[in-house]
Amino acid sequence: MATLLSVNVGRPKDVRWRDRTVHTGAWKHPVDGPRMVRRLNIDGDGQGDLQGHGGEQRAVLVYQTQSYAYWRKVLERDDLEFGQFGENFTVDGLADDEVCIGDRYRIGEAEFEVTQPRVTCYRVGMRLNEPRMASLLVAHHRPGFYLRVIAEGRVRAGDPITRTRTGRGSLTVADTDALLYLPDPDPAKLRAALTIEALSPGWQQSFQEMSHRLDQPPAPAPAAPGWRGFRQLRVTQVVPETPTVSSFLLRPTDSQALPPAAPGQYLTVRIPEEGRPGLVRSYSLSSAPGAAEYRISVKREDRGKVSTYLHTHLHTGDVIEAAAPRGTFVLADDHTPVALFSAGIGVTPVLAMLHRLALEHSSRAVWWVHTARDPGQQPFAEEARQLLARLPHARAFIYYTAPDLEIAGGPGITHGRMTSDGIRELGIPADAHAYLCGPEGFMSTVTSALQRAGLSSSNIHTEVFGALAAINPGITHTGSGPPHQPPGPRGTGPSVTFARSGLSTGWSERYATLLELAEACEVPTRWSCRTGVCHTCATPLLTGQVEYTTQPLEDPASGEVLPCCSIPTTDVLLDL
């Protein structure tokens, strides 16, 4: 019979780690005597990051003494003590490859249900002073698991553990963990996972999205970039679109034709900067796919160095450097309805999609939904109107947000901001694919409304202006200033350019990974495991090559890199 060997608790505290402060509850220690287990926690325990830990579905973390013995041998350590893996219950038995999601257990006065494997998290590596630990737990099929509390009650070390119900689906903790984090998931096990009501909602959503992708026909392999590195393009025309937006039409300086760009992709341009590699920015292509010229349409920002340079220094006949079109925010080739949402200059990538639909005289149902301050600041209004007229099942909705507008309304025109109720009233069907580009607040509102209207998250595609919002779980302060050169002497290694942040610097061996360099520069970063497991940090690699210091459990998608476990071997340009 399985037995509860130790009850471990710990309050969240601030821990210094790599010149940062992490608020974490990973430091658990055994306690004597009975402890009351409540719906959300054990008395005396707490979690520092409630986004990834704790809550009803993750009230209690379990780890096995057999796994302690395993890691003592693999890691060649004799200092591992109960609670050191962050678990609340250290148990004898209940192996990850035997316990199933949905199993219920009686321990002392309380009853519990298994809801999910442990979340991959860098903090277990902090606690053990073993940075690889999050990856090792998955690779060695020993993650541990969470319980939700079915009946509250007191527990204590020495209590026997009795299974009171077998989980539906017979999917073990180890198999569930492997489905999410390891390559080549078993379709049969994935289908089984979708039938398990006890599985936590977050994991259910992940598996639903995975199942949806498996049900789709195989996507064609992404085309290789049209050219390596940067290429010179000549400006053939500058077209003012609004008082703050201008379009720049670009052709090669040689006789070679431009490779076609997929509708929705972007062009990364570089402008000269004295004594440095140059400033880079990425701008969505607004031209029709297959056009003889590329067109980027740029809004001049008050403090935007590159947009100001383009507006004030770039004229017909001038030459600019650009990397080949890239990006995965592209119009899918299928026959489902399509909704194109944009705000302000976010119209550019969805305009290219509208061009594609019009060129094909598509019979798809199309919703064109755009938000602008007023008609004078609405770029491409007439161009979009003409394209929509070529689509038999298109409808347009325009929102003007400036107060006290003295213009006539009309079909599809609304004075005021787009609302969640208004989005749901557009009548977009649940099988539509929606493409959103604009400020984060705009896209968050639209995404939530579309989900409530029945669209799955896998059918909602977004493109974000500028740097993505950082994901740094547990870090109490991530810096508030703009990206800057890292402290200390400038690195002499390959040049590393963060395209969204407009920063280039030299690589230095002071940093173990590209992620650490980005953090030193206060470039907004997104990560969780820091060991190549979760792919939260996956970033488009626009140019250059890297090598992995820790091999990821699964390779990133083509054209992407995992900064958390890689270093540059040549000059690189990252979409960060």
Protein backbone atom coordinates (compact mmCIF):
# COMPACT_ATOMS: atom_id res chain seq x y z
CA MET A 1 0.00 0.00 0.00
CA ALA A 2 1.20 3.52 -0.84
CA THR A 3 2.09 5.72 2.13
CA LEU A 4 2.41 9.45 2.80
CA LEU A 5 5.99 9.84 4.01
CA SER A 6 6.20 13.62 4.48
CA VAL A 7 3.97 16.69 4.43
CA ASN A 8 5.92 19.72 3.16
CA VAL A 9 4.88 23.37 3.23
CA GLY A 10 6.46 26.76 2.64
CA ARG A 11 5.33 30.35 2.34
CA PRO A 12 6.34 32.32 -0.79
CA LYS A 13 9.48 34.39 -0.38
CA ASP A 14 11.86 36.49 -2.48
CA VAL A 15 14.96 34.60 -3.63
CA ARG A 16 17.96 36.15 -5.35
CA TRP A 17 18.76 34.39 -8.61
CA ARG A 18 21.04 35.54 -11.45
CA ASP A 19 20.94 39.18 -10.29
CA ARG A 20 17.15 39.04 -10.15
CA THR A 21 14.56 38.53 -7.50
CA VAL A 22 12.11 35.65 -7.86
CA HIS A 23 8.98 35.45 -5.71
CA THR A 24 8.50 31.73 -5.21
CA GLY A 25 6.99 29.14 -2.91
CA ALA A 26 9.29 26.36 -4.14
CA TRP A 27 11.12 26.14 -0.81
CA LYS A 28 9.09 23.44 0.99
CA HIS A 29 10.09 21.79 4.26
CA PRO A 30 8.67 18.79 6.18
CA VAL A 31 6.37 19.49 9.12
CA ASP A 32 5.43 17.32 12.09
CA GLY A 33 1.95 16.34 13.15
CA PRO A 34 -1.35 16.70 11.32
CA ARG A 35 -2.02 19.48 8.83
CA MET A 36 -5.38 20.62 7.53
CA VAL A 37 -5.78 20.35 3.76
CA ARG A 38 -8.24 22.84 2.36
CA ARG A 39 -9.71 23.30 -1.10
CA LEU A 40 -6.93 25.59 -2.33
CA ASN A 41 -3.99 24.75 -0.11
CA ILE A 42 -2.46 23.12 2.94
CA ASP A 43 -2.34 25.20 6.11
CA GLY A 44 1.03 26.98 6.19
CA ASP A 45 1.68 26.61 2.45
CA GLY A 46 1.54 29.05 -0.47
CA GLN A 47 2.56 29.65 -4.10
CA GLY A 48 4.40 32.66 -5.42
CA ASP A 49 3.14 32.47 -9.02
CA LEU A 50 -0.56 31.68 -9.11
CA GLN A 51 -0.61 31.77 -12.91
CA GLY A 52 1.35 28.54 -13.08
CA HIS A 53 0.87 26.96 -9.67
CA GLY A 54 -1.78 26.62 -7.01
CA GLY A 55 -5.51 27.06 -7.33
CA GLU A 56 -8.22 24.43 -7.18
CA GLN A 57 -6.71 22.21 -9.90
CA ARG A 58 -3.19 22.37 -8.43
CA ALA A 59 -3.78 22.49 -4.71
CA VAL A 60 -1.28 19.77 -3.76
CA LEU A 61 1.90 18.61 -5.55
CA VAL A 62 3.00 14.99 -5.15
CA TYR A 63 6.45 13.44 -5.66
CA GLN A 64 7.73 9.96 -4.93
CA THR A 65 10.57 8.73 -2.75
CA GLN A 66 11.44 6.33 -5.58
CA SER A 67 12.12 9.36 -7.81
CA TYR A 68 14.32 10.85 -5.10
CA ALA A 69 16.38 7.64 -5.15
CA TYR A 70 16.52 7.81 -8.95
CA TRP A 71 17.79 11.39 -9.04
CA ARG A 72 20.33 10.78 -6.29
CA LYS A 73 21.89 8.22 -8.61
CA VAL A 74 21.53 10.14 -11.90
CA LEU A 75 22.70 13.48 -10.48
CA GLU A 76 25.28 11.85 -8.20
CA ARG A 77 23.97 13.76 -5.19
CA ASP A 78 23.42 12.72 -1.60
CA ASP A 79 21.93 16.01 -0.38
CA LEU A 80 18.35 15.63 -1.68
CA GLU A 81 15.76 15.93 1.09
CA PHE A 82 11.98 15.66 1.09
CA GLY A 83 10.31 18.85 -0.17
CA GLN A 84 13.29 19.79 -2.33
CA PHE A 85 11.37 19.10 -5.57
CA GLY A 86 8.72 21.57 -4.41
CA GLU A 87 6.22 18.86 -3.52
CA ASN A 88 3.69 19.03 -0.71
CA PHE A 89 3.36 15.26 -0.34
CA THR A 90 6.37 12.97 -0.55
CA VAL A 91 4.98 9.47 -1.00
CA ASP A 92 6.09 5.88 -1.15
CA GLY A 93 4.47 4.46 -4.33
CA LEU A 94 2.12 6.27 -6.77
CA ALA A 95 4.63 6.12 -9.64
CA ASP A 96 4.05 8.53 -12.53
CA ASP A 97 3.79 5.63 -14.98
CA GLU A 98 1.09 3.93 -12.87
CA VAL A 99 -1.10 6.74 -11.51
CA CYS A 100 -3.77 7.90 -13.99
CA ILE A 101 -5.42 11.28 -14.46
CA GLY A 102 -8.74 11.12 -12.61
CA ASP A 103 -7.61 8.58 -10.02
CA ARG A 104 -8.92 9.44 -6.55
CA TYR A 105 -7.14 8.71 -3.28
CA ARG A 106 -8.05 8.80 0.40
CA ILE A 107 -5.25 10.12 2.63
CA GLY A 108 -6.06 10.63 6.30
CA GLU A 109 -9.35 12.50 6.53
CA ALA A 110 -9.10 14.01 3.04
CA GLU A 111 -9.82 12.78 -0.48
CA PHE A 112 -8.01 13.90 -3.62
CA GLU A 113 -8.19 13.61 -7.41
CA VAL A 114 -5.25 13.59 -9.86
CA THR A 115 -5.63 16.50 -12.31
CA GLN A 116 -2.39 16.97 -14.27
CA PRO A 117 1.39 16.46 -14.30
CA ARG A 118 3.73 19.02 -12.77
CA VAL A 119 4.12 22.18 -14.85
CA THR A 120 7.60 22.51 -16.37
CA CYS A 121 9.18 25.36 -14.45
CA TYR A 122 12.66 26.76 -14.00
CA ARG A 123 12.12 27.15 -10.25
CA VAL A 124 12.63 23.46 -9.50
CA GLY A 125 16.07 23.96 -11.07
CA MET A 126 16.63 26.98 -8.81
CA ARG A 127 15.74 24.97 -5.73
CA LEU A 128 18.09 22.12 -6.68
CA ASN A 129 20.77 24.35 -8.18
CA GLU A 130 20.44 22.24 -11.33
CA PRO A 131 19.42 24.40 -14.34
CA ARG A 132 18.57 21.36 -16.49
CA MET A 133 16.03 19.99 -14.03
CA ALA A 134 12.82 21.04 -15.79
CA SER A 135 14.01 19.30 -18.95
CA LEU A 136 15.24 16.23 -17.08
CA LEU A 137 11.91 15.70 -15.32
CA VAL A 138 10.15 15.44 -18.69
CA ALA A 139 12.86 13.51 -20.54
CA HIS A 140 13.10 10.90 -17.77
CA HIS A 141 9.28 10.61 -17.41
CA ARG A 142 9.31 11.58 -13.70
CA PRO A 143 7.37 14.86 -13.47
CA GLY A 144 5.22 14.28 -10.38
CA PHE A 145 1.59 15.36 -10.38
CA TYR A 146 -1.03 17.67 -8.90
CA LEU A 147 -4.13 16.87 -6.86
CA ARG A 148 -7.34 18.76 -6.33
CA VAL A 149 -9.10 18.40 -3.00
CA ILE A 150 -12.41 16.51 -3.17
CA ALA A 151 -12.96 16.43 0.60
CA GLU A 152 -11.06 18.61 3.06
CA GLY A 153 -9.45 17.09 6.12
CA ARG A 154 -6.31 16.55 8.17
CA VAL A 155 -3.36 14.50 6.93
CA ARG A 156 -0.05 13.55 8.50
CA ALA A 157 3.11 11.64 7.65
CA GLY A 158 2.50 7.90 7.97
CA ASP A 159 -1.07 7.98 6.66
CA PRO A 160 -1.86 5.12 4.26
CA ILE A 161 -2.98 6.05 0.75
CA THR A 162 -5.99 4.19 -0.63
CA ARG A 163 -7.31 4.51 -4.17
CA THR A 164 -11.06 5.12 -4.09
CA ARG A 165 -11.71 5.48 -7.83
CA THR A 166 -9.88 4.74 -11.09
CA GLY A 167 -9.64 7.57 -13.56
CA ARG A 168 -11.51 7.37 -16.85
CA GLY A 169 -9.28 6.83 -19.88
CA SER A 170 -6.44 5.04 -18.08
CA LEU A 171 -3.95 7.71 -19.15
CA THR A 172 -0.97 7.81 -16.80
CA VAL A 173 0.70 10.95 -15.52
CA ALA A 174 3.88 10.10 -17.45
CA ASP A 175 1.99 9.56 -20.71
CA THR A 176 0.02 12.78 -20.23
CA ASP A 177 3.22 14.73 -19.68
CA ALA A 178 4.85 13.19 -22.76
CA LEU A 179 1.82 14.07 -24.92
CA LEU A 180 2.29 17.77 -24.23
CA TYR A 181 6.06 18.14 -24.09
CA LEU A 182 7.65 15.41 -26.23
CA PRO A 183 7.61 15.10 -30.04
CA ASP A 184 5.30 12.84 -32.05
CA PRO A 185 2.30 12.59 -29.67
CA ASP A 186 0.32 9.35 -29.90
CA PRO A 187 -3.06 10.20 -31.56
CA ALA A 188 -4.85 7.44 -29.64
CA LYS A 189 -3.61 8.74 -26.29
CA LEU A 190 -4.48 12.28 -27.33
CA ARG A 191 -8.06 11.20 -28.07
CA ALA A 192 -8.18 9.44 -24.71
CA ALA A 193 -7.01 12.60 -22.95
CA LEU A 194 -9.92 14.57 -24.46
CA THR A 195 -12.42 12.27 -22.72
CA ILE A 196 -11.00 12.74 -19.21
CA GLU A 197 -13.18 15.22 -17.34
CA ALA A 198 -10.79 15.32 -14.38
CA LEU A 199 -7.96 16.73 -16.52
CA SER A 200 -7.35 20.38 -15.59
CA PRO A 201 -8.85 22.98 -18.00
CA GLY A 202 -5.47 24.32 -19.11
CA TRP A 203 -4.27 20.91 -20.22
CA GLN A 204 -7.63 20.17 -21.82
CA GLN A 205 -7.32 23.30 -23.94
CA SER A 206 -3.76 22.41 -24.98
CA PHE A 207 -4.84 18.94 -26.06
CA GLN A 208 -7.88 20.28 -27.91
CA GLU A 209 -5.60 22.57 -29.92
CA MET A 210 -3.19 19.70 -30.60
CA SER A 211 -6.07 17.48 -31.73
CA HIS A 212 -7.35 20.22 -34.04
CA ARG A 213 -3.92 20.49 -35.65
CA LEU A 214 -3.72 16.71 -36.12
CA ASP A 215 -7.14 16.70 -37.80
CA GLN A 216 -6.04 19.30 -40.34
CA PRO A 217 -4.36 18.21 -43.59
CA PRO A 218 -0.57 18.45 -43.36
CA ALA A 219 0.56 22.01 -43.90
CA PRO A 220 3.02 22.52 -46.73
CA ALA A 221 6.58 23.02 -45.58
CA PRO A 222 7.30 26.73 -45.18
CA ALA A 223 9.17 28.17 -48.09
CA ALA A 224 12.78 29.05 -47.48
CA PRO A 225 13.45 32.79 -47.17
CA GLY A 226 13.84 34.46 -50.54
CA TRP A 227 17.44 35.42 -49.77
CA ARG A 228 19.95 35.19 -46.96
CA GLY A 229 20.93 38.17 -44.88
CA PHE A 230 20.15 41.68 -46.15
CA ARG A 231 19.66 42.72 -49.75
CA GLN A 232 19.59 46.17 -51.33
CA LEU A 233 16.20 47.39 -52.54
CA ARG A 234 15.58 50.64 -54.38
CA VAL A 235 12.69 52.98 -53.60
CA THR A 236 10.63 53.46 -56.77
CA GLN A 237 7.88 55.58 -55.26
CA VAL A 238 6.83 57.22 -51.99
CA VAL A 239 3.06 57.58 -51.58
CA PRO A 240 1.50 59.62 -48.73
CA GLU A 241 -1.54 57.69 -47.50
CA THR A 242 -2.55 59.91 -44.56
CA PRO A 243 -0.81 62.82 -42.77
CA THR A 244 1.19 60.26 -40.72
CA VAL A 245 1.37 57.18 -42.98
CA SER A 246 3.42 56.80 -46.16
CA SER A 247 3.94 53.81 -48.42
CA PHE A 248 7.34 52.93 -49.88
CA LEU A 249 7.46 50.81 -53.04
CA LEU A 250 10.66 48.77 -53.36
CA ARG A 251 12.42 46.92 -56.21
CA PRO A 252 15.76 45.09 -56.30
CA THR A 253 18.78 47.09 -57.37
CA ASP A 254 19.71 44.22 -59.72
CA SER A 255 17.61 42.55 -62.41
CA GLN A 256 16.48 39.66 -60.23
CA ALA A 257 12.74 39.35 -59.63
CA LEU A 258 11.43 39.60 -56.08
CA PRO A 259 10.36 36.29 -54.54
CA PRO A 260 6.63 36.25 -53.78
CA ALA A 261 5.58 37.03 -50.23
CA ALA A 262 2.72 35.26 -48.48
CA PRO A 263 -0.17 37.60 -47.59
CA GLY A 264 0.47 38.82 -44.05
CA GLN A 265 4.28 38.51 -43.99
CA TYR A 266 6.63 41.33 -43.04
CA LEU A 267 9.83 42.88 -44.33
CA THR A 268 12.72 43.69 -41.98
CA VAL A 269 14.60 46.84 -43.01
CA ARG A 270 17.89 48.24 -41.76
CA ILE A 271 18.92 51.89 -41.80
CA PRO A 272 22.45 53.18 -41.24
CA GLU A 273 23.59 54.29 -37.80
CA GLU A 274 27.03 55.79 -37.40
CA GLY A 275 29.51 53.43 -35.78
CA ARG A 276 26.98 50.61 -35.36
CA PRO A 277 25.51 47.80 -37.46
CA GLY A 278 22.35 49.86 -38.06
CA LEU A 279 18.83 50.08 -36.69
CA VAL A 280 16.31 47.47 -37.78
CA ARG A 281 12.52 47.40 -37.79
CA SER A 282 9.95 45.06 -39.29
CA TYR A 283 7.00 46.32 -41.32
CA SER A 284 4.15 44.27 -42.73
CA LEU A 285 3.87 44.15 -46.50
CA SER A 286 0.68 45.86 -47.70
CA SER A 287 1.09 44.96 -51.36
CA ALA A 288 -0.70 42.26 -53.30
CA PRO A 289 1.05 38.88 -53.19
CA GLY A 290 3.01 38.36 -56.38
CA ALA A 291 3.31 42.09 -57.15
CA ALA A 292 6.44 43.17 -58.98
CA GLU A 293 7.25 45.55 -56.12
CA TYR A 294 7.09 45.20 -52.37
CA ARG A 295 5.12 47.87 -50.54
CA ILE A 296 5.60 48.71 -46.89
CA SER A 297 3.35 51.30 -45.30
CA VAL A 298 4.84 53.04 -42.28
CA LYS A 299 3.29 55.28 -39.65
CA ARG A 300 5.61 57.99 -38.41
CA GLU A 301 5.87 57.70 -34.64
CA ASP A 302 6.86 60.69 -32.53
CA ARG A 303 9.87 58.91 -31.01
CA GLY A 304 10.41 56.33 -33.71
CA LYS A 305 13.96 56.63 -35.05
CA VAL A 306 13.43 54.32 -38.00
CA SER A 307 9.95 55.53 -38.99
CA THR A 308 11.16 59.15 -38.77
CA TYR A 309 14.20 58.31 -40.92
CA LEU A 310 12.03 56.66 -43.55
CA HIS A 311 9.63 59.61 -43.67
CA THR A 312 12.31 62.32 -43.75
CA HIS A 313 15.30 60.75 -45.53
CA LEU A 314 13.99 58.10 -47.94
CA HIS A 315 13.09 59.34 -51.41
CA THR A 316 12.51 57.90 -54.83
CA GLY A 317 15.76 56.38 -56.10
CA ASP A 318 17.28 55.83 -52.63
CA VAL A 319 18.49 52.39 -51.59
CA ILE A 320 17.60 50.57 -48.39
CA GLU A 321 18.65 47.20 -46.97
CA ALA A 322 16.04 44.53 -46.27
CA ALA A 323 15.85 40.91 -45.17
CA ALA A 324 13.55 38.56 -47.10
CA PRO A 325 9.83 38.44 -46.26
CA ARG A 326 9.07 36.28 -43.26
CA GLY A 327 6.34 35.57 -40.75
CA THR A 328 3.71 32.97 -39.95
CA PHE A 329 0.80 35.41 -39.69
CA VAL A 330 -0.43 34.45 -43.15
CA LEU A 331 -3.78 33.79 -44.78
CA ALA A 332 -4.61 30.07 -44.79
CA ASP A 333 -5.49 28.45 -48.09
CA ASP A 334 -8.87 26.93 -47.28
CA HIS A 335 -12.55 27.57 -47.95
CA THR A 336 -13.74 28.60 -44.50
CA PRO A 337 -15.15 32.07 -43.77
CA VAL A 338 -12.52 34.68 -42.96
CA ALA A 339 -12.66 37.74 -40.68
CA LEU A 340 -10.01 40.45 -41.04
CA PHE A 341 -9.76 42.76 -37.99
CA SER A 342 -7.41 45.74 -37.79
CA ALA A 343 -6.88 49.00 -35.96
CA GLY A 344 -4.88 51.94 -37.30
CA ILE A 345 -1.72 50.95 -39.16
CA GLY A 346 -2.50 47.33 -38.25
CA VAL A 347 -4.44 47.32 -41.51
CA THR A 348 -1.30 46.55 -43.54
CA PRO A 349 -1.01 42.73 -43.23
CA VAL A 350 -4.75 42.10 -43.48
CA LEU A 351 -4.87 44.39 -46.55
CA ALA A 352 -2.42 42.04 -48.24
CA MET A 353 -4.78 39.18 -47.32
CA LEU A 354 -7.70 41.10 -48.82
CA HIS A 355 -5.66 41.53 -52.02
CA ARG A 356 -5.16 37.76 -52.20
CA LEU A 357 -8.87 37.08 -51.75
CA ALA A 358 -9.78 39.64 -54.42
CA LEU A 359 -7.21 38.30 -56.89
CA GLU A 360 -8.75 34.85 -56.52
CA HIS A 361 -12.32 36.23 -56.76
CA SER A 362 -12.86 34.17 -53.63
CA SER A 363 -16.32 32.89 -52.84
CA ARG A 364 -15.49 32.76 -49.12
CA ALA A 365 -17.57 34.82 -46.72
CA VAL A 366 -15.37 37.76 -45.70
CA TRP A 367 -15.74 40.21 -42.80
CA TRP A 368 -13.63 43.37 -43.05
CA VAL A 369 -13.59 45.14 -39.66
CA HIS A 370 -11.39 48.21 -39.18
CA THR A 371 -11.03 50.83 -36.45
CA ALA A 372 -9.62 54.32 -37.15
CA ARG A 373 -9.74 57.64 -35.37
CA ASP A 374 -11.49 59.41 -38.26
CA PRO A 375 -11.74 59.12 -42.06
CA GLY A 376 -8.71 61.38 -42.55
CA GLN A 377 -6.55 58.94 -40.59
CA GLN A 378 -7.84 55.79 -42.27
CA PRO A 379 -5.22 54.51 -44.71
CA PHE A 380 -6.31 52.50 -47.76
CA ALA A 381 -10.03 53.20 -47.29
CA GLU A 382 -10.69 53.46 -51.04
CA GLU A 383 -8.32 50.63 -51.92
CA ALA A 384 -10.09 48.33 -49.46
CA ARG A 385 -13.51 49.39 -50.78
CA GLN A 386 -12.53 48.46 -54.34
CA LEU A 387 -11.14 45.10 -53.27
CA LEU A 388 -14.24 44.28 -51.23
CA ALA A 389 -16.43 45.09 -54.24
CA ARG A 390 -14.77 42.18 -56.08
CA LEU A 391 -15.81 39.68 -53.40
CA PRO A 392 -19.43 38.48 -53.68
CA HIS A 393 -19.78 37.53 -50.01
CA ALA A 394 -17.90 40.37 -48.32
CA ARG A 395 -19.19 42.80 -45.76
CA ALA A 396 -17.39 45.77 -44.19
CA PHE A 397 -17.67 47.40 -40.76
CA ILE A 398 -15.76 50.59 -39.93
CA TYR A 399 -15.48 52.15 -36.47
CA TYR A 400 -14.44 55.80 -36.02
CA THR A 401 -13.38 56.62 -32.46
CA ALA A 402 -12.83 60.41 -32.54
CA PRO A 403 -15.52 62.23 -30.51
CA ASP A 404 -17.98 64.63 -32.15
CA LEU A 405 -17.33 63.55 -35.73
CA GLU A 406 -19.32 65.60 -38.22
CA ILE A 407 -19.69 62.99 -40.93
CA ALA A 408 -22.63 61.04 -42.18
CA GLY A 409 -23.06 57.53 -40.95
CA GLY A 410 -24.10 54.72 -43.21
CA PRO A 411 -24.28 50.96 -43.54
CA GLY A 412 -21.44 49.37 -41.64
CA ILE A 413 -20.15 52.66 -40.16
CA THR A 414 -20.18 53.15 -36.39
CA HIS A 415 -19.17 56.25 -34.43
CA GLY A 416 -17.53 54.87 -31.30
CA ARG A 417 -15.27 52.07 -30.19
CA MET A 418 -15.73 48.45 -31.03
CA THR A 419 -17.30 46.50 -28.16
CA SER A 420 -17.46 42.83 -27.29
CA ASP A 421 -21.22 42.80 -27.82
CA GLY A 422 -20.79 44.52 -31.18
CA ILE A 423 -18.24 41.95 -32.31
CA ARG A 424 -20.55 39.08 -31.40
CA GLU A 425 -23.37 40.79 -33.33
CA LEU A 426 -21.32 40.74 -36.55
CA GLY A 427 -22.47 37.16 -37.06
CA ILE A 428 -19.06 35.62 -37.68
CA PRO A 429 -19.56 31.82 -37.73
CA ALA A 430 -17.69 29.49 -35.39
CA ASP A 431 -15.75 27.83 -38.22
CA ALA A 432 -14.28 31.13 -39.45
CA HIS A 433 -10.60 31.97 -39.30
CA ALA A 434 -9.98 35.43 -37.84
CA TYR A 435 -6.85 37.51 -38.41
CA LEU A 436 -6.17 40.38 -36.01
CA CYS A 437 -3.56 43.13 -36.15
CA GLY A 438 -3.39 46.17 -33.92
CA PRO A 439 -2.50 47.25 -30.38
CA GLU A 440 -2.55 44.55 -27.70
CA GLY A 441 -5.66 45.93 -25.95
CA PHE A 442 -7.57 45.88 -29.23
CA MET A 443 -6.57 42.30 -29.99
CA SER A 444 -7.33 41.12 -26.47
CA THR A 445 -10.87 42.53 -26.70
CA VAL A 446 -11.49 41.04 -30.13
CA THR A 447 -10.00 37.66 -29.21
CA SER A 448 -12.18 37.34 -26.10
CA ALA A 449 -15.31 38.33 -28.01
CA LEU A 450 -14.60 35.87 -30.82
CA GLN A 451 -14.02 33.06 -28.35
CA ARG A 452 -17.34 33.81 -26.69
CA ALA A 453 -18.91 33.73 -30.17
CA GLY A 454 -17.69 30.16 -30.56
CA LEU A 455 -14.38 30.46 -32.42
CA SER A 456 -11.65 28.18 -31.12
CA SER A 457 -8.36 29.79 -30.13
CA SER A 458 -6.62 27.86 -32.92
CA ASN A 459 -8.76 29.76 -35.46
CA ILE A 460 -7.78 33.19 -34.10
CA HIS A 461 -4.48 34.48 -35.48
CA THR A 462 -2.78 37.63 -34.20
CA GLU A 463 0.07 39.94 -35.17
CA VAL A 464 1.40 42.32 -32.51
CA PHE A 465 2.97 45.75 -32.99
CA GLY A 466 6.45 46.14 -31.55
CA ALA A 467 7.83 43.95 -28.79
CA LEU A 468 5.61 41.21 -27.41
CA ALA A 469 4.51 41.42 -23.80
CA ALA A 470 7.08 39.78 -21.55
CA ILE A 471 6.44 36.41 -19.89
CA ASN A 472 8.85 36.12 -16.95
CA PRO A 473 7.06 34.00 -14.33
CA GLY A 474 7.90 34.85 -10.75
CA ILE A 475 10.32 37.69 -11.52
CA THR A 476 9.39 40.59 -9.25
CA HIS A 477 10.95 43.29 -11.47
CA THR A 478 11.75 42.99 -15.17
CA GLY A 479 12.99 46.51 -15.85
CA SER A 480 10.98 49.45 -17.08
CA GLY A 481 13.42 51.30 -19.31
CA PRO A 482 13.98 50.91 -23.05
CA PRO A 483 16.35 48.20 -24.35
CA HIS A 484 20.00 49.20 -24.06
CA GLN A 485 23.52 47.90 -24.50
CA PRO A 486 24.44 45.30 -21.86
CA PRO A 487 26.60 46.43 -18.95
CA GLY A 488 30.35 45.96 -19.12
CA PRO A 489 32.71 45.76 -22.08
CA ARG A 490 31.12 45.32 -25.49
CA GLY A 491 31.21 41.73 -26.71
CA THR A 492 33.56 40.85 -29.54
CA GLY A 493 31.62 37.85 -30.85
CA PRO A 494 28.96 37.71 -33.57
CA SER A 495 26.54 40.60 -33.81
CA VAL A 496 23.16 39.95 -32.16
CA THR A 497 20.31 42.16 -33.32
CA PHE A 498 16.91 42.31 -31.60
CA ALA A 499 14.67 43.50 -34.42
CA ARG A 500 11.54 44.52 -32.49
CA SER A 501 13.64 46.34 -29.90
CA GLY A 502 15.88 48.08 -32.44
CA LEU A 503 19.11 47.06 -30.70
CA SER A 504 22.34 45.45 -31.92
CA THR A 505 25.18 44.33 -29.71
CA GLY A 506 28.17 42.02 -29.80
CA TRP A 507 27.96 38.50 -28.37
CA SER A 508 29.99 37.89 -25.23
CA GLU A 509 30.82 34.60 -23.55
CA ARG A 510 29.74 36.21 -20.27
CA TYR A 511 26.28 34.99 -21.21
CA ALA A 512 25.31 31.33 -21.29
CA THR A 513 22.44 31.82 -23.75
CA LEU A 514 20.86 34.36 -26.08
CA LEU A 515 18.09 34.70 -23.52
CA GLU A 516 20.57 35.85 -20.88
CA LEU A 517 21.97 38.46 -23.29
CA ALA A 518 18.47 39.72 -24.07
CA GLU A 519 17.75 40.04 -20.35
CA ALA A 520 20.98 41.97 -19.81
CA CYS A 521 19.81 44.39 -22.53
CA GLU A 522 16.31 44.64 -20.96
CA VAL A 523 14.81 43.35 -24.20
CA PRO A 524 11.30 42.03 -23.38
CA THR A 525 11.54 38.24 -23.20
CA ARG A 526 9.12 35.33 -22.95
CA TRP A 527 10.11 32.11 -21.18
CA SER A 528 9.12 29.56 -18.56
CA CYS A 529 11.28 26.43 -18.40
CA ARG A 530 14.61 27.93 -19.64
CA THR A 531 15.72 24.44 -20.75
CA GLY A 532 14.12 23.86 -24.17
CA VAL A 533 10.95 22.07 -23.02
CA CYS A 534 7.99 24.44 -23.14
CA HIS A 535 8.86 26.53 -26.26
CA THR A 536 7.46 29.68 -24.63
CA CYS A 537 10.60 31.50 -25.79
CA ALA A 538 10.36 30.33 -29.46
CA THR A 539 11.43 33.28 -31.61
CA PRO A 540 11.73 33.76 -35.39
CA LEU A 541 15.39 33.72 -36.46
CA LEU A 542 15.45 36.21 -39.32
CA THR A 543 19.08 35.74 -40.30
CA GLY A 544 22.09 33.81 -39.02
CA GLN A 545 22.73 30.51 -37.26
CA VAL A 546 22.83 29.27 -33.67
CA GLU A 547 23.88 26.15 -31.81
CA TYR A 548 22.16 24.61 -28.80
CA THR A 549 24.02 24.33 -25.54
CA THR A 550 21.22 22.08 -24.25
CA GLN A 551 19.44 20.13 -26.96
CA PRO A 552 15.68 20.87 -26.87
CA LEU A 553 13.38 17.92 -26.25
CA GLU A 554 11.66 18.88 -29.52
CA ASP A 555 13.11 21.07 -32.25
CA PRO A 556 11.38 24.42 -32.77
CA ALA A 557 9.45 25.09 -35.94
CA SER A 558 11.39 25.85 -39.10
CA GLY A 559 12.76 29.38 -39.02
CA GLU A 560 12.50 29.63 -35.22
CA VAL A 561 15.03 29.36 -32.42
CA LEU A 562 14.84 28.78 -28.67
CA PRO A 563 16.92 31.58 -27.09
CA CYS A 564 16.77 29.92 -23.66
CA CYS A 565 19.28 27.24 -24.68
CA SER A 566 21.16 28.58 -27.72
CA ILE A 567 24.12 30.80 -28.60
CA PRO A 568 24.99 32.45 -31.93
CA THR A 569 27.58 30.98 -34.29
CA THR A 570 27.18 33.79 -36.85
CA ASP A 571 25.65 37.25 -36.83
CA VAL A 572 21.98 36.76 -35.96
CA LEU A 573 18.81 38.82 -36.26
CA LEU A 574 16.08 37.83 -33.80
CA ASP A 575 12.45 38.92 -33.90
CA LEU A 576 12.60 40.19 -30.30
